[in-house]
Amino acid sequence: MEMMRKTLRPPLKRTVESAPERKPQGDKPKAGPNEHTNAENFYYAKQIQQKTPMVVLLKGGEEIRGRIEWYDKYAIRVAREEEPAVMVYKAGIRMMYKDEK
């Protein structure tokens, strides 16, 4: 006497219905470039360590000469020779360069 064996896998139709939908690879948006490269932090750290005389030009046209003492995410502190140190918001800086004097 032979026994009937039962199939252990579920029917194909039920498996397809329960499987998650897959999106085509072309629809996936590409990731943009990294927002943080740490180049700015490296530059500030180097100028602080070497005590480089800097010129900071502000968006309003003002010029600040001195050495960068410290920086954070939003501001830098510039120590000046004969005047008190000043904190400058990075958003107000147009450009910076090494003082050649």
PDB file of N, CA and C in Angstrom:
ATOM      1  N   MET A   1       0.831  -1.159   0.000  1.00  0.00           N
ATOM      2  CA  MET A   1       0.000   0.000   0.000  1.00  0.00           C
ATOM      3  C   MET A   1       0.897   1.251   0.000  1.00  0.00           C
ATOM      4  N   GLU A   2       0.689   2.074  -0.999  1.00  0.00           N
ATOM      5  CA  GLU A   2       1.486   3.297  -1.119  1.00  0.00           C
ATOM      6  C   GLU A   2       0.743   4.472  -0.516  1.00  0.00           C
ATOM      7  N   MET A   3       1.530   5.357   0.144  1.00  0.00           N
ATOM      8  CA  MET A   3       0.923   6.550   0.760  1.00  0.00           C
ATOM      9  C   MET A   3       1.174   7.756  -0.134  1.00  0.00           C
ATOM     10  N   MET A   4       0.236   8.629  -0.139  1.00  0.00           N
ATOM     11  CA  MET A   4       0.393   9.868  -0.897  1.00  0.00           C
ATOM     12  C   MET A   4       1.237  10.837  -0.067  1.00  0.00           C
ATOM     13  N   ARG A   5       2.220  11.414  -0.703  1.00  0.00           N
ATOM     14  CA  ARG A   5       3.058  12.399   0.002  1.00  0.00           C
ATOM     15  C   ARG A   5       2.513  13.790  -0.250  1.00  0.00           C
ATOM     16  N   LYS A   6       2.546  14.598   0.802  1.00  0.00           N
ATOM     17  CA  LYS A   6       2.047  15.958   0.713  1.00  0.00           C
ATOM     18  C   LYS A   6       3.209  16.897   0.338  1.00  0.00           C
ATOM     19  N   THR A   7       2.950  17.826  -0.564  1.00  0.00           N
ATOM     20  CA  THR A   7       3.971  18.787  -0.957  1.00  0.00           C
ATOM     21  C   THR A   7       4.200  19.776   0.189  1.00  0.00           C
ATOM     22  N   LEU A   8       5.474  20.015   0.497  1.00  0.00           N
ATOM     23  CA  LEU A   8       5.807  20.878   1.628  1.00  0.00           C
ATOM     24  C   LEU A   8       5.861  22.365   1.258  1.00  0.00           C
ATOM     25  N   ARG A   9       6.078  22.671   0.001  1.00  0.00           N
ATOM     26  CA  ARG A   9       6.152  24.086  -0.352  1.00  0.00           C
ATOM     27  C   ARG A   9       4.765  24.630  -0.660  1.00  0.00           C
ATOM     28  N   PRO A  10       4.542  25.914  -0.376  1.00  0.00           N
ATOM     29  CA  PRO A  10       3.220  26.504  -0.625  1.00  0.00           C
ATOM     30  C   PRO A  10       2.984  26.647  -2.126  1.00  0.00           C
ATOM     31  N   PRO A  11       1.763  26.791  -2.514  1.00  0.00           N
ATOM     32  CA  PRO A  11       1.471  26.982  -3.937  1.00  0.00           C
ATOM     33  C   PRO A  11       2.124  28.263  -4.445  1.00  0.00           C
ATOM     34  N   LEU A  12       2.526  28.283  -5.699  1.00  0.00           N
ATOM     35  CA  LEU A  12       3.242  29.405  -6.294  1.00  0.00           C
ATOM     36  C   LEU A  12       2.426  30.696  -6.264  1.00  0.00           C
ATOM     37  N   LYS A  13       1.157  30.644  -6.485  1.00  0.00           N
ATOM     38  CA  LYS A  13       0.315  31.832  -6.514  1.00  0.00           C
ATOM     39  C   LYS A  13       0.340  32.572  -5.178  1.00  0.00           C
ATOM     40  N   ARG A  14       0.259  31.855  -4.105  1.00  0.00           N
ATOM     41  CA  ARG A  14       0.285  32.473  -2.775  1.00  0.00           C
ATOM     42  C   ARG A  14       1.651  33.099  -2.490  1.00  0.00           C
ATOM     43  N   THR A  15       2.718  32.511  -2.911  1.00  0.00           N
ATOM     44  CA  THR A  15       4.062  33.025  -2.690  1.00  0.00           C
ATOM     45  C   THR A  15       4.260  34.346  -3.428  1.00  0.00           C
ATOM     46  N   VAL A  16       3.786  34.434  -4.648  1.00  0.00           N
ATOM     47  CA  VAL A  16       3.931  35.651  -5.428  1.00  0.00           C
ATOM     48  C   VAL A  16       3.129  36.792  -4.803  1.00  0.00           C
ATOM     49  N   GLU A  17       1.967  36.522  -4.295  1.00  0.00           N
ATOM     50  CA  GLU A  17       1.134  37.547  -3.676  1.00  0.00           C
ATOM     51  C   GLU A  17       1.759  38.098  -2.409  1.00  0.00           C
ATOM     52  N   SER A  18       2.429  37.264  -1.632  1.00  0.00           N
ATOM     53  CA  SER A  18       2.980  37.706  -0.359  1.00  0.00           C
ATOM     54  C   SER A  18       4.369  38.336  -0.502  1.00  0.00           C
ATOM     55  N   ALA A  19       4.999  38.170  -1.661  1.00  0.00           N
ATOM     56  CA  ALA A  19       6.343  38.733  -1.858  1.00  0.00           C
ATOM     57  C   ALA A  19       6.242  40.250  -1.995  1.00  0.00           C
ATOM     58  N   PRO A  20       7.217  41.000  -1.437  1.00  0.00           N
ATOM     59  CA  PRO A  20       7.192  42.462  -1.562  1.00  0.00           C
ATOM     60  C   PRO A  20       7.466  42.866  -3.014  1.00  0.00           C
ATOM     61  N   GLU A  21       6.901  44.009  -3.391  1.00  0.00           N
ATOM     62  CA  GLU A  21       7.110  44.505  -4.747  1.00  0.00           C
ATOM     63  C   GLU A  21       8.524  45.042  -4.874  1.00  0.00           C
ATOM     64  N   ARG A  22       9.126  44.791  -6.012  1.00  0.00           N
ATOM     65  CA  ARG A  22      10.474  45.298  -6.285  1.00  0.00           C
ATOM     66  C   ARG A  22      10.384  46.391  -7.322  1.00  0.00           C
ATOM     67  N   LYS A  23      11.094  47.478  -7.045  1.00  0.00           N
ATOM     68  CA  LYS A  23      11.110  48.591  -7.988  1.00  0.00           C
ATOM     69  C   LYS A  23      12.271  48.384  -8.958  1.00  0.00           C
ATOM     70  N   PRO A  24      12.119  48.820 -10.184  1.00  0.00           N
ATOM     71  CA  PRO A  24      13.233  48.719 -11.131  1.00  0.00           C
ATOM     72  C   PRO A  24      14.417  49.554 -10.651  1.00  0.00           C
ATOM     73  N   GLN A  25      15.627  49.138 -10.969  1.00  0.00           N
ATOM     74  CA  GLN A  25      16.845  49.817 -10.508  1.00  0.00           C
ATOM     75  C   GLN A  25      16.941  51.244 -11.045  1.00  0.00           C
ATOM     76  N   GLY A  26      16.409  51.520 -12.221  1.00  0.00           N
ATOM     77  CA  GLY A  26      16.519  52.843 -12.826  1.00  0.00           C
ATOM     78  C   GLY A  26      15.724  53.914 -12.093  1.00  0.00           C
ATOM     79  N   ASP A  27      14.731  53.543 -11.291  1.00  0.00           N
ATOM     80  CA  ASP A  27      13.888  54.519 -10.596  1.00  0.00           C
ATOM     81  C   ASP A  27      14.512  55.028  -9.304  1.00  0.00           C
ATOM     82  N   LYS A  28      15.569  54.385  -8.840  1.00  0.00           N
ATOM     83  CA  LYS A  28      16.183  54.762  -7.566  1.00  0.00           C
ATOM     84  C   LYS A  28      17.009  56.046  -7.747  1.00  0.00           C
ATOM     85  N   PRO A  29      16.725  57.111  -6.965  1.00  0.00           N
ATOM     86  CA  PRO A  29      17.501  58.345  -7.108  1.00  0.00           C
ATOM     87  C   PRO A  29      18.921  58.139  -6.586  1.00  0.00           C
ATOM     88  N   LYS A  30      19.867  58.761  -7.259  1.00  0.00           N
ATOM     89  CA  LYS A  30      21.267  58.648  -6.845  1.00  0.00           C
ATOM     90  C   LYS A  30      21.516  59.556  -5.645  1.00  0.00           C
ATOM     91  N   ALA A  31      22.401  59.119  -4.784  1.00  0.00           N
ATOM     92  CA  ALA A  31      22.777  59.930  -3.625  1.00  0.00           C
ATOM     93  C   ALA A  31      23.653  61.087  -4.101  1.00  0.00           C
ATOM     94  N   GLY A  32      23.458  62.252  -3.514  1.00  0.00           N
ATOM     95  CA  GLY A  32      24.239  63.425  -3.876  1.00  0.00           C
ATOM     96  C   GLY A  32      25.626  63.367  -3.270  1.00  0.00           C
ATOM     97  N   PRO A  33      26.431  64.380  -3.536  1.00  0.00           N
ATOM     98  CA  PRO A  33      27.783  64.401  -2.960  1.00  0.00           C
ATOM     99  C   PRO A  33      27.723  64.609  -1.454  1.00  0.00           C
ATOM    100  N   ASN A  34      28.784  64.213  -0.787  1.00  0.00           N
ATOM    101  CA  ASN A  34      28.857  64.391   0.663  1.00  0.00           C
ATOM    102  C   ASN A  34      28.776  65.870   1.001  1.00  0.00           C
ATOM    103  N   GLU A  35      27.995  66.175   2.028  1.00  0.00           N
ATOM    104  CA  GLU A  35      27.857  67.561   2.440  1.00  0.00           C
ATOM    105  C   GLU A  35      29.096  68.028   3.205  1.00  0.00           C
ATOM    106  N   HIS A  36      29.735  67.132   3.928  1.00  0.00           N
ATOM    107  CA  HIS A  36      30.888  67.487   4.741  1.00  0.00           C
ATOM    108  C   HIS A  36      32.130  66.772   4.237  1.00  0.00           C
ATOM    109  N   THR A  37      33.126  67.542   3.858  1.00  0.00           N
ATOM    110  CA  THR A  37      34.389  66.964   3.420  1.00  0.00           C
ATOM    111  C   THR A  37      35.486  67.176   4.456  1.00  0.00           C
ATOM    112  N   ASN A  38      35.221  67.979   5.468  1.00  0.00           N
ATOM    113  CA  ASN A  38      36.177  68.327   6.521  1.00  0.00           C
ATOM    114  C   ASN A  38      37.342  69.165   6.009  1.00  0.00           C
ATOM    115  N   ALA A  39      37.290  69.636   4.770  1.00  0.00           N
ATOM    116  CA  ALA A  39      38.354  70.482   4.237  1.00  0.00           C
ATOM    117  C   ALA A  39      38.400  71.814   4.988  1.00  0.00           C
ATOM    118  N   GLU A  40      37.228  72.355   5.304  1.00  0.00           N
ATOM    119  CA  GLU A  40      37.173  73.626   6.027  1.00  0.00           C
ATOM    120  C   GLU A  40      37.801  73.469   7.413  1.00  0.00           C
ATOM    121  N   ASN A  41      37.458  72.402   8.114  1.00  0.00           N
ATOM    122  CA  ASN A  41      38.026  72.169   9.447  1.00  0.00           C
ATOM    123  C   ASN A  41      39.535  71.994   9.377  1.00  0.00           C
ATOM    124  N   PHE A  42      40.013  71.277   8.366  1.00  0.00           N
ATOM    125  CA  PHE A  42      41.450  71.075   8.200  1.00  0.00           C
ATOM    126  C   PHE A  42      42.150  72.414   7.966  1.00  0.00           C
ATOM    127  N   TYR A  43      41.550  73.272   7.140  1.00  0.00           N
ATOM    128  CA  TYR A  43      42.139  74.583   6.834  1.00  0.00           C
ATOM    129  C   TYR A  43      42.243  75.436   8.097  1.00  0.00           C
ATOM    130  N   TYR A  44      41.154  75.523   8.857  1.00  0.00           N
ATOM    131  CA  TYR A  44      41.171  76.319  10.090  1.00  0.00           C
ATOM    132  C   TYR A  44      42.192  75.770  11.083  1.00  0.00           C
ATOM    133  N   ALA A  45      42.230  74.473  11.257  1.00  0.00           N
ATOM    134  CA  ALA A  45      43.169  73.862  12.204  1.00  0.00           C
ATOM    135  C   ALA A  45      44.616  74.165  11.809  1.00  0.00           C
ATOM    136  N   LYS A  46      44.898  74.116  10.516  1.00  0.00           N
ATOM    137  CA  LYS A  46      46.248  74.393  10.035  1.00  0.00           C
ATOM    138  C   LYS A  46      46.633  75.845  10.299  1.00  0.00           C
ATOM    139  N   GLN A  47      45.717  76.791  10.028  1.00  0.00           N
ATOM    140  CA  GLN A  47      46.019  78.214  10.238  1.00  0.00           C
ATOM    141  C   GLN A  47      46.179  78.533  11.720  1.00  0.00           C
ATOM    142  N   ILE A  48      45.395  77.875  12.571  1.00  0.00           N
ATOM    143  CA  ILE A  48      45.519  78.082  14.018  1.00  0.00           C
ATOM    144  C   ILE A  48      46.856  77.554  14.508  1.00  0.00           C
ATOM    145  N   GLN A  49      47.216  76.355  14.083  1.00  0.00           N
ATOM    146  CA  GLN A  49      48.467  75.727  14.530  1.00  0.00           C
ATOM    147  C   GLN A  49      49.690  76.537  14.094  1.00  0.00           C
ATOM    148  N   GLN A  50      49.678  77.047  12.874  1.00  0.00           N
ATOM    149  CA  GLN A  50      50.824  77.800  12.358  1.00  0.00           C
ATOM    150  C   GLN A  50      50.777  79.280  12.724  1.00  0.00           C
ATOM    151  N   LYS A  51      49.685  79.708  13.370  1.00  0.00           N
ATOM    152  CA  LYS A  51      49.498  81.110  13.751  1.00  0.00           C
ATOM    153  C   LYS A  51      49.695  82.045  12.556  1.00  0.00           C
ATOM    154  N   THR A  52      49.061  81.699  11.469  1.00  0.00           N
ATOM    155  CA  THR A  52      49.179  82.440  10.213  1.00  0.00           C
ATOM    156  C   THR A  52      48.417  83.756  10.294  1.00  0.00           C
ATOM    157  N   PRO A  53      49.060  84.882   9.945  1.00  0.00           N
ATOM    158  CA  PRO A  53      48.330  86.151   9.856  1.00  0.00           C
ATOM    159  C   PRO A  53      47.334  86.069   8.694  1.00  0.00           C
ATOM    160  N   MET A  54      46.079  86.429   8.971  1.00  0.00           N
ATOM    161  CA  MET A  54      45.019  86.295   7.973  1.00  0.00           C
ATOM    162  C   MET A  54      44.325  87.637   7.750  1.00  0.00           C
ATOM    163  N   VAL A  55      43.703  87.769   6.585  1.00  0.00           N
ATOM    164  CA  VAL A  55      42.832  88.890   6.279  1.00  0.00           C
ATOM    165  C   VAL A  55      41.451  88.295   6.027  1.00  0.00           C
ATOM    166  N   VAL A  56      40.454  88.770   6.756  1.00  0.00           N
ATOM    167  CA  VAL A  56      39.079  88.305   6.603  1.00  0.00           C
ATOM    168  C   VAL A  56      38.274  89.453   6.012  1.00  0.00           C
ATOM    169  N   LEU A  57      37.750  89.246   4.814  1.00  0.00           N
ATOM    170  CA  LEU A  57      36.908  90.252   4.169  1.00  0.00           C
ATOM    171  C   LEU A  57      35.455  89.885   4.428  1.00  0.00           C
ATOM    172  N   LEU A  58      34.721  90.849   4.983  1.00  0.00           N
ATOM    173  CA  LEU A  58      33.314  90.612   5.284  1.00  0.00           C
ATOM    174  C   LEU A  58      32.440  91.023   4.111  1.00  0.00           C
ATOM    175  N   LYS A  59      31.218  90.522   4.087  1.00  0.00           N
ATOM    176  CA  LYS A  59      30.288  90.837   3.007  1.00  0.00           C
ATOM    177  C   LYS A  59      29.965  92.326   2.946  1.00  0.00           C
ATOM    178  N   GLY A  60      30.045  93.008   4.067  1.00  0.00           N
ATOM    179  CA  GLY A  60      29.777  94.441   4.120  1.00  0.00           C
ATOM    180  C   GLY A  60      30.939  95.289   3.645  1.00  0.00           C
ATOM    181  N   GLY A  61      32.075  94.670   3.306  1.00  0.00           N
ATOM    182  CA  GLY A  61      33.233  95.404   2.815  1.00  0.00           C
ATOM    183  C   GLY A  61      34.305  95.636   3.865  1.00  0.00           C
ATOM    184  N   GLU A  62      34.028  95.346   5.116  1.00  0.00           N
ATOM    185  CA  GLU A  62      35.008  95.552   6.186  1.00  0.00           C
ATOM    186  C   GLU A  62      36.117  94.505   6.091  1.00  0.00           C
ATOM    187  N   GLU A  63      37.313  94.896   6.525  1.00  0.00           N
ATOM    188  CA  GLU A  63      38.476  94.023   6.481  1.00  0.00           C
ATOM    189  C   GLU A  63      38.999  93.821   7.900  1.00  0.00           C
ATOM    190  N   ILE A  64      39.205  92.584   8.303  1.00  0.00           N
ATOM    191  CA  ILE A  64      39.724  92.272   9.634  1.00  0.00           C
ATOM    192  C   ILE A  64      41.045  91.531   9.461  1.00  0.00           C
ATOM    193  N   ARG A  65      42.084  92.045  10.133  1.00  0.00           N
ATOM    194  CA  ARG A  65      43.408  91.410  10.069  1.00  0.00           C
ATOM    195  C   ARG A  65      43.751  90.834  11.442  1.00  0.00           C
ATOM    196  N   GLY A  66      44.270  89.625  11.446  1.00  0.00           N
ATOM    197  CA  GLY A  66      44.668  88.991  12.693  1.00  0.00           C
ATOM    198  C   GLY A  66      44.903  87.503  12.504  1.00  0.00           C
ATOM    199  N   ARG A  67      44.976  86.801  13.632  1.00  0.00           N
ATOM    200  CA  ARG A  67      45.204  85.353  13.615  1.00  0.00           C
ATOM    201  C   ARG A  67      43.960  84.652  14.131  1.00  0.00           C
ATOM    202  N   ILE A  68      43.613  83.542  13.500  1.00  0.00           N
ATOM    203  CA  ILE A  68      42.440  82.792  13.939  1.00  0.00           C
ATOM    204  C   ILE A  68      42.802  82.062  15.234  1.00  0.00           C
ATOM    205  N   GLU A  69      42.022  82.297  16.288  1.00  0.00           N
ATOM    206  CA  GLU A  69      42.257  81.635  17.577  1.00  0.00           C
ATOM    207  C   GLU A  69      41.511  80.320  17.672  1.00  0.00           C
ATOM    208  N   TRP A  70      40.241  80.324  17.278  1.00  0.00           N
ATOM    209  CA  TRP A  70      39.423  79.112  17.307  1.00  0.00           C
ATOM    210  C   TRP A  70      38.262  79.261  16.346  1.00  0.00           C
ATOM    211  N   TYR A  71      37.584  78.155  16.102  1.00  0.00           N
ATOM    212  CA  TYR A  71      36.436  78.149  15.209  1.00  0.00           C
ATOM    213  C   TYR A  71      35.425  77.127  15.690  1.00  0.00           C
ATOM    214  N   ASP A  72      34.195  77.283  15.252  1.00  0.00           N
ATOM    215  CA  ASP A  72      33.176  76.250  15.474  1.00  0.00           C
ATOM    216  C   ASP A  72      32.325  76.190  14.215  1.00  0.00           C
ATOM    217  N   LYS A  73      31.174  75.620  14.310  1.00  0.00           N
ATOM    218  CA  LYS A  73      30.331  75.408  13.135  1.00  0.00           C
ATOM    219  C   LYS A  73      29.865  76.718  12.509  1.00  0.00           C
ATOM    220  N   TYR A  74      29.666  77.752  13.316  1.00  0.00           N
ATOM    221  CA  TYR A  74      29.060  78.987  12.827  1.00  0.00           C
ATOM    222  C   TYR A  74      29.956  80.221  12.873  1.00  0.00           C
ATOM    223  N   ALA A  75      31.076  80.183  13.592  1.00  0.00           N
ATOM    224  CA  ALA A  75      31.863  81.404  13.774  1.00  0.00           C
ATOM    225  C   ALA A  75      33.350  81.102  13.912  1.00  0.00           C
ATOM    226  N   ILE A  76      34.153  82.160  13.736  1.00  0.00           N
ATOM    227  CA  ILE A  76      35.587  82.088  14.022  1.00  0.00           C
ATOM    228  C   ILE A  76      35.929  83.257  14.941  1.00  0.00           C
ATOM    229  N   ARG A  77      36.997  83.105  15.702  1.00  0.00           N
ATOM    230  CA  ARG A  77      37.465  84.195  16.564  1.00  0.00           C
ATOM    231  C   ARG A  77      38.831  84.620  16.047  1.00  0.00           C
ATOM    232  N   VAL A  78      38.956  85.916  15.762  1.00  0.00           N
ATOM    233  CA  VAL A  78      40.191  86.465  15.209  1.00  0.00           C
ATOM    234  C   VAL A  78      40.848  87.349  16.263  1.00  0.00           C
ATOM    235  N   ALA A  79      42.086  87.000  16.634  1.00  0.00           N
ATOM    236  CA  ALA A  79      42.871  87.806  17.579  1.00  0.00           C
ATOM    237  C   ALA A  79      43.627  88.850  16.768  1.00  0.00           C
ATOM    238  N   ARG A  80      43.451  90.119  17.140  1.00  0.00           N
ATOM    239  CA  ARG A  80      44.099  91.205  16.410  1.00  0.00           C
ATOM    240  C   ARG A  80      45.268  91.733  17.222  1.00  0.00           C
ATOM    241  N   GLU A  81      46.211  92.400  16.544  1.00  0.00           N
ATOM    242  CA  GLU A  81      47.444  92.876  17.185  1.00  0.00           C
ATOM    243  C   GLU A  81      47.182  93.931  18.261  1.00  0.00           C
ATOM    244  N   GLU A  82      46.607  95.047  17.883  1.00  0.00           N
ATOM    245  CA  GLU A  82      46.459  96.170  18.808  1.00  0.00           C
ATOM    246  C   GLU A  82      45.014  96.422  19.210  1.00  0.00           C
ATOM    247  N   GLU A  83      44.118  95.579  18.802  1.00  0.00           N
ATOM    248  CA  GLU A  83      42.700  95.730  19.117  1.00  0.00           C
ATOM    249  C   GLU A  83      42.211  94.442  19.766  1.00  0.00           C
ATOM    250  N   PRO A  84      41.062  94.504  20.424  1.00  0.00           N
ATOM    251  CA  PRO A  84      40.540  93.283  21.045  1.00  0.00           C
ATOM    252  C   PRO A  84      40.161  92.242  19.994  1.00  0.00           C
ATOM    253  N   ALA A  85      40.148  90.999  20.416  1.00  0.00           N
ATOM    254  CA  ALA A  85      39.747  89.903  19.531  1.00  0.00           C
ATOM    255  C   ALA A  85      38.277  90.072  19.155  1.00  0.00           C
ATOM    256  N   VAL A  86      37.927  89.559  17.982  1.00  0.00           N
ATOM    257  CA  VAL A  86      36.566  89.706  17.486  1.00  0.00           C
ATOM    258  C   VAL A  86      36.062  88.342  17.000  1.00  0.00           C
ATOM    259  N   MET A  87      34.762  88.078  17.265  1.00  0.00           N
ATOM    260  CA  MET A  87      34.142  86.860  16.771  1.00  0.00           C
ATOM    261  C   MET A  87      33.371  87.217  15.509  1.00  0.00           C
ATOM    262  N   VAL A  88      33.590  86.431  14.457  1.00  0.00           N
ATOM    263  CA  VAL A  88      32.976  86.707  13.164  1.00  0.00           C
ATOM    264  C   VAL A  88      32.132  85.502  12.766  1.00  0.00           C
ATOM    265  N   TYR A  89      30.863  85.757  12.427  1.00  0.00           N
ATOM    266  CA  TYR A  89      30.017  84.678  11.931  1.00  0.00           C
ATOM    267  C   TYR A  89      30.472  84.288  10.527  1.00  0.00           C
ATOM    268  N   LYS A  90      30.557  82.992  10.269  1.00  0.00           N
ATOM    269  CA  LYS A  90      30.990  82.508   8.958  1.00  0.00           C
ATOM    270  C   LYS A  90      30.049  82.971   7.846  1.00  0.00           C
ATOM    271  N   ALA A  91      28.783  83.126   8.152  1.00  0.00           N
ATOM    272  CA  ALA A  91      27.825  83.570   7.143  1.00  0.00           C
ATOM    273  C   ALA A  91      28.121  84.989   6.665  1.00  0.00           C
ATOM    274  N   GLY A  92      28.838  85.777   7.467  1.00  0.00           N
ATOM    275  CA  GLY A  92      29.161  87.146   7.099  1.00  0.00           C
ATOM    276  C   GLY A  92      30.493  87.299   6.392  1.00  0.00           C
ATOM    277  N   ILE A  93      31.212  86.202   6.196  1.00  0.00           N
ATOM    278  CA  ILE A  93      32.537  86.260   5.557  1.00  0.00           C
ATOM    279  C   ILE A  93      32.390  86.101   4.049  1.00  0.00           C
ATOM    280  N   ARG A  94      32.981  87.035   3.316  1.00  0.00           N
ATOM    281  CA  ARG A  94      33.002  86.912   1.855  1.00  0.00           C
ATOM    282  C   ARG A  94      34.179  86.053   1.422  1.00  0.00           C
ATOM    283  N   MET A  95      35.366  86.331   1.972  1.00  0.00           N
ATOM    284  CA  MET A  95      36.550  85.523   1.676  1.00  0.00           C
ATOM    285  C   MET A  95      37.629  85.747   2.722  1.00  0.00           C
ATOM    286  N   MET A  96      38.614  84.832   2.758  1.00  0.00           N
ATOM    287  CA  MET A  96      39.759  84.946   3.656  1.00  0.00           C
ATOM    288  C   MET A  96      41.011  84.591   2.866  1.00  0.00           C
ATOM    289  N   TYR A  97      42.116  85.216   3.252  1.00  0.00           N
ATOM    290  CA  TYR A  97      43.391  84.859   2.636  1.00  0.00           C
ATOM    291  C   TYR A  97      44.516  85.180   3.615  1.00  0.00           C
ATOM    292  N   LYS A  98      45.685  84.627   3.336  1.00  0.00           N
ATOM    293  CA  LYS A  98      46.855  84.861   4.191  1.00  0.00           C
ATOM    294  C   LYS A  98      47.345  86.283   3.995  1.00  0.00           C
ATOM    295  N   ASP A  99      47.671  86.953   5.113  1.00  0.00           N
ATOM    296  CA  ASP A  99      48.181  88.316   5.075  1.00  0.00           C
ATOM    297  C   ASP A  99      49.645  88.266   4.670  1.00  0.00           C
ATOM    298  N   GLU A 100      49.994  88.998   3.629  1.00  0.00           N
ATOM    299  CA  GLU A 100      51.365  88.981   3.095  1.00  0.00           C
ATOM    300  C   GLU A 100      52.276  89.979   3.788  1.00  0.00           C
ATOM    301  N   LYS A 101      51.779  90.775   4.717  1.00  0.00           N
ATOM    302  CA  LYS A 101      52.614  91.787   5.389  1.00  0.00           C
ATOM    303  C   LYS A 101      53.542  91.170   6.385  1.00  0.00           C
TER     304      LYS A 101
END
